[in-house]
C-alpha atoms as a PDB file:
ATOM      1  CA  MET A   1      58.216  98.254  24.211  1.00  0.00           C
ATOM      2  CA  LYS A   2      55.396  98.204  26.769  1.00  0.00           C
ATOM      3  CA  LEU A   3      53.067 101.202  26.985  1.00  0.00           C
ATOM      4  CA  SER A   4      53.942 101.720  30.676  1.00  0.00           C
ATOM      5  CA  SER A   5      57.633 101.963  29.772  1.00  0.00           C
ATOM      6  CA  ILE A   6      56.892 104.503  27.018  1.00  0.00           C
ATOM      7  CA  ASN A   7      54.772 106.592  29.404  1.00  0.00           C
ATOM      8  CA  TYR A   8      57.557 106.484  31.994  1.00  0.00           C
ATOM      9  CA  GLN A   9      60.133 107.720  29.469  1.00  0.00           C
ATOM     10  CA  ILE A  10      57.780 110.480  28.303  1.00  0.00           C
ATOM     11  CA  SER A  11      57.260 111.562  31.915  1.00  0.00           C
ATOM     12  CA  ILE A  12      61.016 111.714  32.524  1.00  0.00           C
ATOM     13  CA  ALA A  13      61.519 113.735  29.328  1.00  0.00           C
ATOM     14  CA  LEU A  14      58.801 116.193  30.344  1.00  0.00           C
ATOM     15  CA  CYS A  15      60.343 116.615  33.798  1.00  0.00           C
ATOM     16  CA  LEU A  16      63.736 117.331  32.261  1.00  0.00           C
ATOM     17  CA  LEU A  17      62.165 119.812  29.842  1.00  0.00           C
ATOM     18  CA  LEU A  18      60.326 121.618  32.633  1.00  0.00           C
ATOM     19  CA  PHE A  19      63.498 121.760  34.718  1.00  0.00           C
ATOM     20  CA  SER A  20      65.545 123.179  31.855  1.00  0.00           C
ATOM     21  CA  CYS A  21      62.854 125.791  31.177  1.00  0.00           C
ATOM     22  CA  ALA A  22      62.488 126.833  34.811  1.00  0.00           C
ATOM     23  CA  PRO A  23      62.126 130.610  35.094  1.00  0.00           C
ATOM     24  CA  GLU A  24      65.298 132.535  35.817  1.00  0.00           C
ATOM     25  CA  SER A  25      63.660 133.839  38.983  1.00  0.00           C
ATOM     26  CA  ASP A  26      64.104 130.350  40.471  1.00  0.00           C
ATOM     27  CA  LEU A  27      67.832 131.078  40.557  1.00  0.00           C
ATOM     28  CA  SER A  28      69.385 133.114  43.343  1.00  0.00           C
ATOM     29  CA  ARG A  29      70.322 136.648  42.378  1.00  0.00           C
ATOM     30  CA  SER A  30      74.018 135.757  42.442  1.00  0.00           C
ATOM     31  CA  GLU A  31      73.421 132.845  40.054  1.00  0.00           C
ATOM     32  CA  GLN A  32      71.542 135.133  37.666  1.00  0.00           C
ATOM     33  CA  ILE A  33      74.475 137.564  37.683  1.00  0.00           C
ATOM     34  CA  ARG A  34      76.928 134.694  37.214  1.00  0.00           C
ATOM     35  CA  ALA A  35      74.932 133.524  34.183  1.00  0.00           C
ATOM     36  CA  ASP A  36      75.274 137.005  32.645  1.00  0.00           C
ATOM     37  CA  LEU A  37      79.002 137.045  33.374  1.00  0.00           C
ATOM     38  CA  LEU A  38      79.486 133.640  31.741  1.00  0.00           C
ATOM     39  CA  ASN A  39      77.500 134.638  28.647  1.00  0.00           C
ATOM     40  CA  PRO A  40      79.861 136.206  26.062  1.00  0.00           C
ATOM     41  CA  GLN A  41      76.830 137.394  24.074  1.00  0.00           C
ATOM     42  CA  SER A  42      75.348 139.315  27.007  1.00  0.00           C
ATOM     43  CA  LYS A  43      74.434 142.946  26.355  1.00  0.00           C
ATOM     44  CA  ARG A  44      73.621 143.691  29.986  1.00  0.00           C
ATOM     45  CA  VAL A  45      76.225 145.910  31.650  1.00  0.00           C
ATOM     46  CA  LEU A  46      77.320 144.656  35.061  1.00  0.00           C
ATOM     47  CA  VAL A  47      78.251 147.139  37.795  1.00  0.00           C
ATOM     48  CA  ALA A  48      81.135 146.403  40.175  1.00  0.00           C
ATOM     49  CA  SER A  49      81.344 148.627  43.246  1.00  0.00           C
ATOM     50  CA  HIS A  50      84.909 149.419  44.367  1.00  0.00           C
ATOM     51  CA  ARG A  51      85.400 148.651  48.091  1.00  0.00           C
ATOM     52  CA  ALA A  52      81.591 148.378  48.246  1.00  0.00           C
ATOM     53  CA  ASP A  53      79.766 151.692  48.897  1.00  0.00           C
ATOM     54  CA  TRP A  54      82.743 153.511  50.407  1.00  0.00           C
ATOM     55  CA  ARG A  55      81.316 156.981  49.804  1.00  0.00           C
ATOM     56  CA  GLY A  56      78.379 156.252  52.073  1.00  0.00           C
ATOM     57  CA  TRP A  57      80.025 154.012  54.677  1.00  0.00           C
ATOM     58  CA  PRO A  58      83.521 153.037  55.850  1.00  0.00           C
ATOM     59  CA  GLU A  59      85.255 151.259  52.980  1.00  0.00           C
ATOM     60  CA  ASN A  60      85.179 147.459  52.985  1.00  0.00           C
ATOM     61  CA  SER A  61      82.708 147.448  55.887  1.00  0.00           C
ATOM     62  CA  LEU A  62      79.593 145.298  56.279  1.00  0.00           C
ATOM     63  CA  PRO A  63      77.198 148.278  55.983  1.00  0.00           C
ATOM     64  CA  ALA A  64      79.070 149.413  52.861  1.00  0.00           C
ATOM     65  CA  ILE A  65      78.506 145.958  51.361  1.00  0.00           C
ATOM     66  CA  GLU A  66      74.828 145.963  52.370  1.00  0.00           C
ATOM     67  CA  SER A  67      74.326 149.415  50.867  1.00  0.00           C
ATOM     68  CA  ALA A  68      75.946 148.408  47.565  1.00  0.00           C
ATOM     69  CA  ILE A  69      73.771 145.301  47.322  1.00  0.00           C
ATOM     70  CA  ASN A  70      70.628 147.263  48.094  1.00  0.00           C
ATOM     71  CA  MET A  71      71.341 149.817  45.375  1.00  0.00           C
ATOM     72  CA  GLY A  72      71.546 146.947  42.882  1.00  0.00           C
ATOM     73  CA  VAL A  73      75.220 146.403  42.075  1.00  0.00           C
ATOM     74  CA  ASP A  74      76.170 143.063  40.562  1.00  0.00           C
ATOM     75  CA  ILE A  75      79.672 142.722  42.015  1.00  0.00           C
ATOM     76  CA  VAL A  76      81.260 144.060  45.188  1.00  0.00           C
ATOM     77  CA  GLU A  77      85.031 144.429  45.166  1.00  0.00           C
ATOM     78  CA  LEU A  78      86.597 143.614  48.534  1.00  0.00           C
ATOM     79  CA  ASP A  79      90.230 143.474  49.652  1.00  0.00           C
ATOM     80  CA  LEU A  80      91.845 140.709  51.691  1.00  0.00           C
ATOM     81  CA  GLN A  81      94.558 140.796  54.335  1.00  0.00           C
ATOM     82  CA  CYS A  82      95.732 138.082  56.712  1.00  0.00           C
ATOM     83  CA  THR A  83      96.340 138.540  60.447  1.00  0.00           C
ATOM     84  CA  ALA A  84      99.220 137.177  62.507  1.00  0.00           C
ATOM     85  CA  ASP A  85      97.002 134.269  63.557  1.00  0.00           C
ATOM     86  CA  SER A  86      96.040 133.423  59.939  1.00  0.00           C
ATOM     87  CA  GLN A  87      92.575 134.993  60.014  1.00  0.00           C
ATOM     88  CA  LEU A  88      91.353 136.657  56.818  1.00  0.00           C
ATOM     89  CA  ILE A  89      89.883 140.136  57.151  1.00  0.00           C
ATOM     90  CA  ILE A  90      88.444 142.675  54.733  1.00  0.00           C
ATOM     91  CA  MET A  91      91.024 145.480  54.560  1.00  0.00           C
ATOM     92  CA  HIS A  92      92.701 147.251  51.662  1.00  0.00           C
ATOM     93  CA  ASP A  93      95.971 148.393  53.212  1.00  0.00           C
ATOM     94  CA  SER A  94      98.653 146.225  54.771  1.00  0.00           C
ATOM     95  CA  LYS A  95      98.413 148.597  57.771  1.00  0.00           C
ATOM     96  CA  ILE A  96      95.265 149.522  59.683  1.00  0.00           C
ATOM     97  CA  ASP A  97      96.417 153.132  60.281  1.00  0.00           C
ATOM     98  CA  ARG A  98      94.457 154.880  57.502  1.00  0.00           C
ATOM     99  CA  THR A  99      91.040 153.282  57.911  1.00  0.00           C
ATOM    100  CA  THR A 100      90.795 152.476  61.643  1.00  0.00           C
ATOM    101  CA  THR A 101      91.393 153.924  65.092  1.00  0.00           C
ATOM    102  CA  GLY A 102      94.393 151.626  65.536  1.00  0.00           C
ATOM    103  CA  LYS A 103      97.906 151.376  64.180  1.00  0.00           C
ATOM    104  CA  GLY A 104     100.112 148.551  62.973  1.00  0.00           C
ATOM    105  CA  ARG A 105     100.547 145.975  60.246  1.00  0.00           C
ATOM    106  CA  VAL A 106      97.734 143.501  59.782  1.00  0.00           C
ATOM    107  CA  GLY A 107     100.231 140.653  59.528  1.00  0.00           C
ATOM    108  CA  GLU A 108     101.657 141.515  62.958  1.00  0.00           C
ATOM    109  CA  LEU A 109      98.315 141.779  64.771  1.00  0.00           C
ATOM    110  CA  THR A 110      95.944 139.034  65.913  1.00  0.00           C
ATOM    111  CA  LEU A 111      92.270 139.134  65.048  1.00  0.00           C
ATOM    112  CA  ASP A 112      91.350 139.721  68.710  1.00  0.00           C
ATOM    113  CA  SER A 113      93.550 142.810  68.866  1.00  0.00           C
ATOM    114  CA  ILE A 114      92.232 144.126  65.547  1.00  0.00           C
ATOM    115  CA  ARG A 115      88.681 143.730  66.847  1.00  0.00           C
ATOM    116  CA  THR A 116      89.372 146.287  69.583  1.00  0.00           C
ATOM    117  CA  PHE A 117      89.588 149.063  66.955  1.00  0.00           C
ATOM    118  CA  HIS A 118      86.863 150.767  64.955  1.00  0.00           C
ATOM    119  CA  LEU A 119      86.642 151.765  61.317  1.00  0.00           C
ATOM    120  CA  LYS A 120      86.837 155.422  60.342  1.00  0.00           C
ATOM    121  CA  ASN A 121      84.674 157.039  57.685  1.00  0.00           C
ATOM    122  CA  GLY A 122      85.840 158.947  54.624  1.00  0.00           C
ATOM    123  CA  VAL A 123      86.531 162.119  56.599  1.00  0.00           C
ATOM    124  CA  ASN A 124      88.626 160.311  59.216  1.00  0.00           C
ATOM    125  CA  ILE A 125      85.928 160.179  61.925  1.00  0.00           C
ATOM    126  CA  LYS A 126      85.589 157.115  64.175  1.00  0.00           C
ATOM    127  CA  THR A 127      82.469 155.013  63.612  1.00  0.00           C
ATOM    128  CA  ARG A 128      80.941 152.184  65.616  1.00  0.00           C
ATOM    129  CA  HIS A 129      81.751 149.665  62.864  1.00  0.00           C
ATOM    130  CA  GLU A 130      84.413 146.976  63.229  1.00  0.00           C
ATOM    131  CA  ILE A 131      86.747 145.459  60.657  1.00  0.00           C
ATOM    132  CA  PRO A 132      84.864 142.491  59.173  1.00  0.00           C
ATOM    133  CA  THR A 133      86.258 139.032  58.660  1.00  0.00           C
ATOM    134  CA  LEU A 134      86.037 137.391  55.265  1.00  0.00           C
ATOM    135  CA  ARG A 135      83.594 134.871  56.704  1.00  0.00           C
ATOM    136  CA  GLU A 136      81.231 137.642  57.858  1.00  0.00           C
ATOM    137  CA  ALA A 137      81.385 139.298  54.441  1.00  0.00           C
ATOM    138  CA  LEU A 138      80.723 136.012  52.629  1.00  0.00           C
ATOM    139  CA  LEU A 139      77.664 135.269  54.763  1.00  0.00           C
ATOM    140  CA  LEU A 140      76.295 138.768  54.139  1.00  0.00           C
ATOM    141  CA  CYS A 141      76.760 138.358  50.369  1.00  0.00           C
ATOM    142  CA  LYS A 142      75.527 134.768  50.139  1.00  0.00           C
ATOM    143  CA  ASP A 143      73.199 134.288  47.127  1.00  0.00           C
ATOM    144  CA  ARG A 144      72.891 138.061  46.664  1.00  0.00           C
ATOM    145  CA  VAL A 145      75.853 139.349  44.665  1.00  0.00           C
ATOM    146  CA  LEU A 146      79.156 138.310  43.106  1.00  0.00           C
ATOM    147  CA  ILE A 147      82.352 139.143  44.989  1.00  0.00           C
ATOM    148  CA  ASN A 148      85.646 140.224  43.470  1.00  0.00           C
ATOM    149  CA  LEU A 149      88.183 139.251  46.113  1.00  0.00           C
ATOM    150  CA  ASP A 150      91.189 141.448  45.488  1.00  0.00           C
ATOM    151  CA  LYS A 151      94.591 140.193  46.642  1.00  0.00           C
ATOM    152  CA  ALA A 152      93.016 136.765  47.237  1.00  0.00           C
ATOM    153  CA  ASP A 153      95.645 134.865  45.266  1.00  0.00           C
ATOM    154  CA  ARG A 154      98.105 135.292  48.151  1.00  0.00           C
ATOM    155  CA  TYR A 155      95.882 133.324  50.520  1.00  0.00           C
ATOM    156  CA  PHE A 156      93.784 131.084  48.348  1.00  0.00           C
ATOM    157  CA  ASP A 157      94.457 127.928  50.343  1.00  0.00           C
ATOM    158  CA  LEU A 158      92.930 129.758  53.329  1.00  0.00           C
ATOM    159  CA  VAL A 159      90.124 131.263  51.256  1.00  0.00           C
ATOM    160  CA  MET A 160      88.794 128.056  49.708  1.00  0.00           C
ATOM    161  CA  PRO A 161      87.729 126.336  52.967  1.00  0.00           C
ATOM    162  CA  LEU A 162      85.742 129.455  53.906  1.00  0.00           C
ATOM    163  CA  LEU A 163      84.055 129.547  50.507  1.00  0.00           C
ATOM    164  CA  GLU A 164      83.096 125.905  50.825  1.00  0.00           C
ATOM    165  CA  GLU A 165      81.893 126.321  54.410  1.00  0.00           C
ATOM    166  CA  THR A 166      79.679 129.296  53.526  1.00  0.00           C
ATOM    167  CA  GLY A 167      78.492 127.931  50.170  1.00  0.00           C
ATOM    168  CA  THR A 168      79.768 130.962  48.260  1.00  0.00           C
ATOM    169  CA  THR A 169      82.352 129.371  45.944  1.00  0.00           C
ATOM    170  CA  ARG A 170      80.327 130.159  42.800  1.00  0.00           C
ATOM    171  CA  GLN A 171      80.093 133.842  43.761  1.00  0.00           C
ATOM    172  CA  ILE A 172      83.835 134.535  43.700  1.00  0.00           C
ATOM    173  CA  ILE A 173      85.816 136.378  41.045  1.00  0.00           C
ATOM    174  CA  MET A 174      89.588 136.387  41.298  1.00  0.00           C
ATOM    175  CA  LYS A 175      91.740 138.575  39.053  1.00  0.00           C
ATOM    176  CA  GLY A 176      95.453 138.757  38.419  1.00  0.00           C
ATOM    177  CA  ARG A 177      98.316 139.562  36.074  1.00  0.00           C
ATOM    178  CA  LYS A 178      99.796 136.069  35.944  1.00  0.00           C
ATOM    179  CA  SER A 179     100.336 134.376  32.599  1.00  0.00           C
ATOM    180  CA  ALA A 180      97.838 131.863  31.274  1.00  0.00           C
ATOM    181  CA  ASP A 181     100.204 128.981  32.120  1.00  0.00           C
ATOM    182  CA  GLU A 182     100.757 130.249  35.673  1.00  0.00           C
ATOM    183  CA  VAL A 183      97.010 130.492  36.208  1.00  0.00           C
ATOM    184  CA  ARG A 184      96.467 126.897  35.148  1.00  0.00           C
ATOM    185  CA  ASN A 185      99.321 125.623  37.305  1.00  0.00           C
ATOM    186  CA  LEU A 186      98.450 127.603  40.437  1.00  0.00           C
ATOM    187  CA  TYR A 187      94.662 127.690  40.417  1.00  0.00           C
ATOM    188  CA  GLY A 188      93.538 124.882  38.143  1.00  0.00           C
ATOM    189  CA  GLN A 189      91.972 122.941  41.022  1.00  0.00           C
ATOM    190  CA  TYR A 190      89.806 125.923  41.984  1.00  0.00           C
ATOM    191  CA  LEU A 191      88.638 127.125  38.593  1.00  0.00           C
ATOM    192  CA  ASP A 192      85.663 124.812  38.112  1.00  0.00           C
ATOM    193  CA  GLU A 193      83.593 127.210  40.210  1.00  0.00           C
ATOM    194  CA  VAL A 194      85.736 130.199  41.142  1.00  0.00           C
ATOM    195  CA  ILE A 195      86.035 132.608  38.210  1.00  0.00           C
ATOM    196  CA  TYR A 196      89.533 133.763  37.281  1.00  0.00           C
ATOM    197  CA  MET A 197      89.793 136.945  35.220  1.00  0.00           C
ATOM    198  CA  PRO A 198      93.128 137.940  33.631  1.00  0.00           C
ATOM    199  CA  ILE A 199      94.248 141.575  33.917  1.00  0.00           C
ATOM    200  CA  VAL A 200      96.089 142.851  30.840  1.00  0.00           C
ATOM    201  CA  GLU A 201      97.772 146.247  30.383  1.00  0.00           C
ATOM    202  CA  MET A 202      96.823 147.212  26.824  1.00  0.00           C
ATOM    203  CA  ASN A 203      99.518 149.727  25.952  1.00  0.00           C
ATOM    204  CA  ASP A 204     101.696 148.020  23.320  1.00  0.00           C
ATOM    205  CA  SER A 205     101.961 145.082  20.914  1.00  0.00           C
ATOM    206  CA  ALA A 206     103.392 142.797  23.627  1.00  0.00           C
ATOM    207  CA  SER A 207     100.261 143.318  25.710  1.00  0.00           C
ATOM    208  CA  LEU A 208      98.112 142.363  22.747  1.00  0.00           C
ATOM    209  CA  SER A 209     100.107 139.126  22.412  1.00  0.00           C
ATOM    210  CA  ALA A 210      99.539 138.405  26.127  1.00  0.00           C
ATOM    211  CA  PHE A 211      95.837 139.043  25.633  1.00  0.00           C
ATOM    212  CA  GLN A 212      95.718 136.568  22.749  1.00  0.00           C
ATOM    213  CA  ALA A 213      97.508 133.925  24.832  1.00  0.00           C
ATOM    214  CA  HIS A 214      94.930 134.290  27.606  1.00  0.00           C
ATOM    215  CA  LEU A 215      92.097 134.186  25.077  1.00  0.00           C
ATOM    216  CA  LEU A 216      93.159 130.660  24.093  1.00  0.00           C
ATOM    217  CA  THR A 217      92.345 129.495  27.641  1.00  0.00           C
ATOM    218  CA  ASN A 218      88.705 130.636  27.241  1.00  0.00           C
ATOM    219  CA  PRO A 219      88.318 133.004  30.215  1.00  0.00           C
ATOM    220  CA  CYS A 220      84.814 134.355  30.669  1.00  0.00           C
ATOM    221  CA  ALA A 221      86.129 137.924  30.941  1.00  0.00           C
ATOM    222  CA  PHE A 222      89.215 140.149  30.932  1.00  0.00           C
ATOM    223  CA  GLU A 223      90.095 143.303  32.798  1.00  0.00           C
ATOM    224  CA  LEU A 224      91.829 145.705  30.427  1.00  0.00           C
ATOM    225  CA  CYS A 225      93.868 148.697  31.651  1.00  0.00           C
ATOM    226  CA  TRP A 226      95.301 151.410  29.415  1.00  0.00           C
ATOM    227  CA  ARG A 227      96.756 154.900  29.861  1.00  0.00           C
ATOM    228  CA  ASP A 228      95.537 156.555  26.640  1.00  0.00           C
ATOM    229  CA  ASP A 229      93.116 155.470  23.951  1.00  0.00           C
ATOM    230  CA  ASN A 230      94.986 153.300  21.473  1.00  0.00           C
ATOM    231  CA  ALA A 231      94.559 150.744  18.717  1.00  0.00           C
ATOM    232  CA  TYR A 232      95.518 147.837  20.985  1.00  0.00           C
ATOM    233  CA  VAL A 233      92.415 148.266  23.139  1.00  0.00           C
ATOM    234  CA  ARG A 234      90.222 148.348  20.052  1.00  0.00           C
ATOM    235  CA  GLN A 235      91.925 145.233  18.648  1.00  0.00           C
ATOM    236  CA  ALA A 236      91.455 143.379  21.930  1.00  0.00           C
ATOM    237  CA  SER A 237      87.805 144.393  21.963  1.00  0.00           C
ATOM    238  CA  SER A 238      87.354 143.016  18.472  1.00  0.00           C
ATOM    239  CA  LEU A 239      89.144 139.750  19.321  1.00  0.00           C
ATOM    240  CA  ALA A 240      87.044 139.241  22.463  1.00  0.00           C
ATOM    241  CA  GLU A 241      83.701 139.818  20.773  1.00  0.00           C
ATOM    242  CA  GLY A 242      81.482 136.774  21.225  1.00  0.00           C
ATOM    243  CA  LYS A 243      84.192 134.990  23.243  1.00  0.00           C
ATOM    244  CA  ALA A 244      84.665 136.876  26.505  1.00  0.00           C
ATOM    245  CA  LEU A 245      83.321 139.943  28.290  1.00  0.00           C
ATOM    246  CA  LEU A 246      85.522 142.943  29.042  1.00  0.00           C
ATOM    247  CA  TRP A 247      85.890 144.652  32.428  1.00  0.00           C
ATOM    248  CA  VAL A 248      87.066 148.262  32.831  1.00  0.00           C
ATOM    249  CA  ASN A 249      88.012 150.134  35.999  1.00  0.00           C
ATOM    250  CA  CYS A 250      86.778 153.730  35.909  1.00  0.00           C
ATOM    251  CA  LEU A 251      88.437 154.623  39.208  1.00  0.00           C
ATOM    252  CA  TRP A 252      91.128 156.923  37.799  1.00  0.00           C
ATOM    253  CA  ASP A 253      92.324 158.053  34.391  1.00  0.00           C
ATOM    254  CA  THR A 254      95.358 155.814  33.794  1.00  0.00           C
ATOM    255  CA  LEU A 255      93.273 152.666  34.273  1.00  0.00           C
ATOM    256  CA  CYS A 256      90.785 153.474  31.527  1.00  0.00           C
ATOM    257  CA  GLY A 257      92.311 155.848  29.001  1.00  0.00           C
ATOM    258  CA  GLY A 258      90.912 158.911  30.751  1.00  0.00           C
ATOM    259  CA  HIS A 259      87.293 157.708  30.888  1.00  0.00           C
ATOM    260  CA  GLU A 260      87.080 157.720  34.693  1.00  0.00           C
ATOM    261  CA  ASP A 261      84.028 158.294  36.891  1.00  0.00           C
ATOM    262  CA  ASP A 262      84.636 162.005  37.472  1.00  0.00           C
ATOM    263  CA  GLU A 263      84.759 162.690  33.737  1.00  0.00           C
ATOM    264  CA  ALA A 264      81.672 160.528  33.254  1.00  0.00           C
ATOM    265  CA  MET A 265      79.777 162.647  35.765  1.00  0.00           C
ATOM    266  CA  ARG A 266      80.318 165.647  33.492  1.00  0.00           C
ATOM    267  CA  ASN A 267      79.415 163.784  30.303  1.00  0.00           C
ATOM    268  CA  PRO A 268      78.317 160.152  30.797  1.00  0.00           C
ATOM    269  CA  ASP A 269      77.721 159.453  27.105  1.00  0.00           C
ATOM    270  CA  ALA A 270      81.252 160.527  26.180  1.00  0.00           C
ATOM    271  CA  HIS A 271      82.799 158.205  28.767  1.00  0.00           C
ATOM    272  CA  TYR A 272      80.519 155.423  30.047  1.00  0.00           C
ATOM    273  CA  GLY A 273      78.721 155.468  26.707  1.00  0.00           C
ATOM    274  CA  TYR A 274      81.971 155.336  24.753  1.00  0.00           C
ATOM    275  CA  LEU A 275      83.297 152.419  26.818  1.00  0.00           C
ATOM    276  CA  ILE A 276      80.081 150.469  26.288  1.00  0.00           C
ATOM    277  CA  ASP A 277      79.114 151.334  22.710  1.00  0.00           C
ATOM    278  CA  SER A 278      82.490 151.864  21.021  1.00  0.00           C
ATOM    279  CA  LEU A 279      84.766 149.507  22.968  1.00  0.00           C
ATOM    280  CA  GLY A 280      82.251 146.860  24.008  1.00  0.00           C
ATOM    281  CA  PHE A 281      82.839 146.817  27.768  1.00  0.00           C
ATOM    282  CA  ARG A 282      80.142 144.957  29.690  1.00  0.00           C
ATOM    283  CA  ILE A 283      81.544 145.163  33.245  1.00  0.00           C
ATOM    284  CA  ILE A 284      82.352 148.538  34.773  1.00  0.00           C
ATOM    285  CA  GLN A 285      83.995 148.952  38.171  1.00  0.00           C
ATOM    286  CA  THR A 286      83.140 152.293  39.684  1.00  0.00           C
ATOM    287  CA  ASP A 287      83.459 154.502  42.743  1.00  0.00           C
ATOM    288  CA  ARG A 288      80.013 155.946  41.925  1.00  0.00           C
ATOM    289  CA  PRO A 289      77.776 152.896  41.632  1.00  0.00           C
ATOM    290  CA  GLN A 290      74.415 154.620  42.036  1.00  0.00           C
ATOM    291  CA  TYR A 291      75.233 157.201  39.368  1.00  0.00           C
ATOM    292  CA  LEU A 292      76.332 154.468  36.952  1.00  0.00           C
ATOM    293  CA  ILE A 293      73.255 152.347  37.658  1.00  0.00           C
ATOM    294  CA  ASN A 294      70.990 155.336  36.984  1.00  0.00           C
ATOM    295  CA  TYR A 295      72.785 155.997  33.700  1.00  0.00           C
ATOM    296  CA  LEU A 296      72.527 152.372  32.573  1.00  0.00           C
ATOM    297  CA  GLN A 297      68.830 152.281  33.428  1.00  0.00           C
ATOM    298  CA  SER A 298      68.282 155.415  31.352  1.00  0.00           C
ATOM    299  CA  LYS A 299      69.898 153.593  28.423  1.00  0.00           C
ATOM    300  CA  HIS A 300      67.874 150.384  29.029  1.00  0.00           C
ATOM    301  CA  LEU A 301      71.061 148.428  29.724  1.00  0.00           C
ATOM    302  CA  ARG A 302      69.762 147.096  33.047  1.00  0.00           C
END
């Protein structure tokens, strides 16, 4: 082999080595978070903020998203609804009555009519903020944070073109209670980049069997829900170790065996600490993101 050919091959090998060893900081923040989520050995605890920062801003609003990102959350949870003219908006309820100055069902209103109303804050006072579209939310989050799109499975054929247009496909987490077979059949074409996370109610032996069936499909993570502490949760935690991360919702007691945010504010070690250290949860969805972040930092888990 000629010396020039050898030198060329060495140069290519060095370039590939340098590329593979590129510092993590070269990745966008969302790609760094995604890498943690896809790493079953990760010890870092990821924080998911429920409806963004709804305690500081109107829920599911653009400023609530911005605030959650700025405080350092890893995932913002947002809810999807579809208007009468097939436009996707960020809204939890099927009606706009609770969170806006208007009334009516989202599915019976056009986007133009919805845009004439304003969001209300947590004490029912009108603000200047409008209901955001999914596209606006995606552009705000681009490269900055992962997004759990709740209720997205109803509209995924509408969602995917927006993800592709905005370049945010790799930032999306979708969750659901469908069986492993249903997931493959319905969403197989999307799952190369979009992350699907099974939700399993861990309250009996049947739920443990469902968990094991999902585990065979190699999901990166599970959301587990349980009413009271039980052996099934501990068995699932043991089975998932080194294979998939576990997500817990600390929003209210029956989602997390009583280890919700309000209890954690009284005694974080007994609740957040227990979920992390004893049950192995590495993703926590919370209504108190700043409090949880501060706790994790104090424990050197962020």
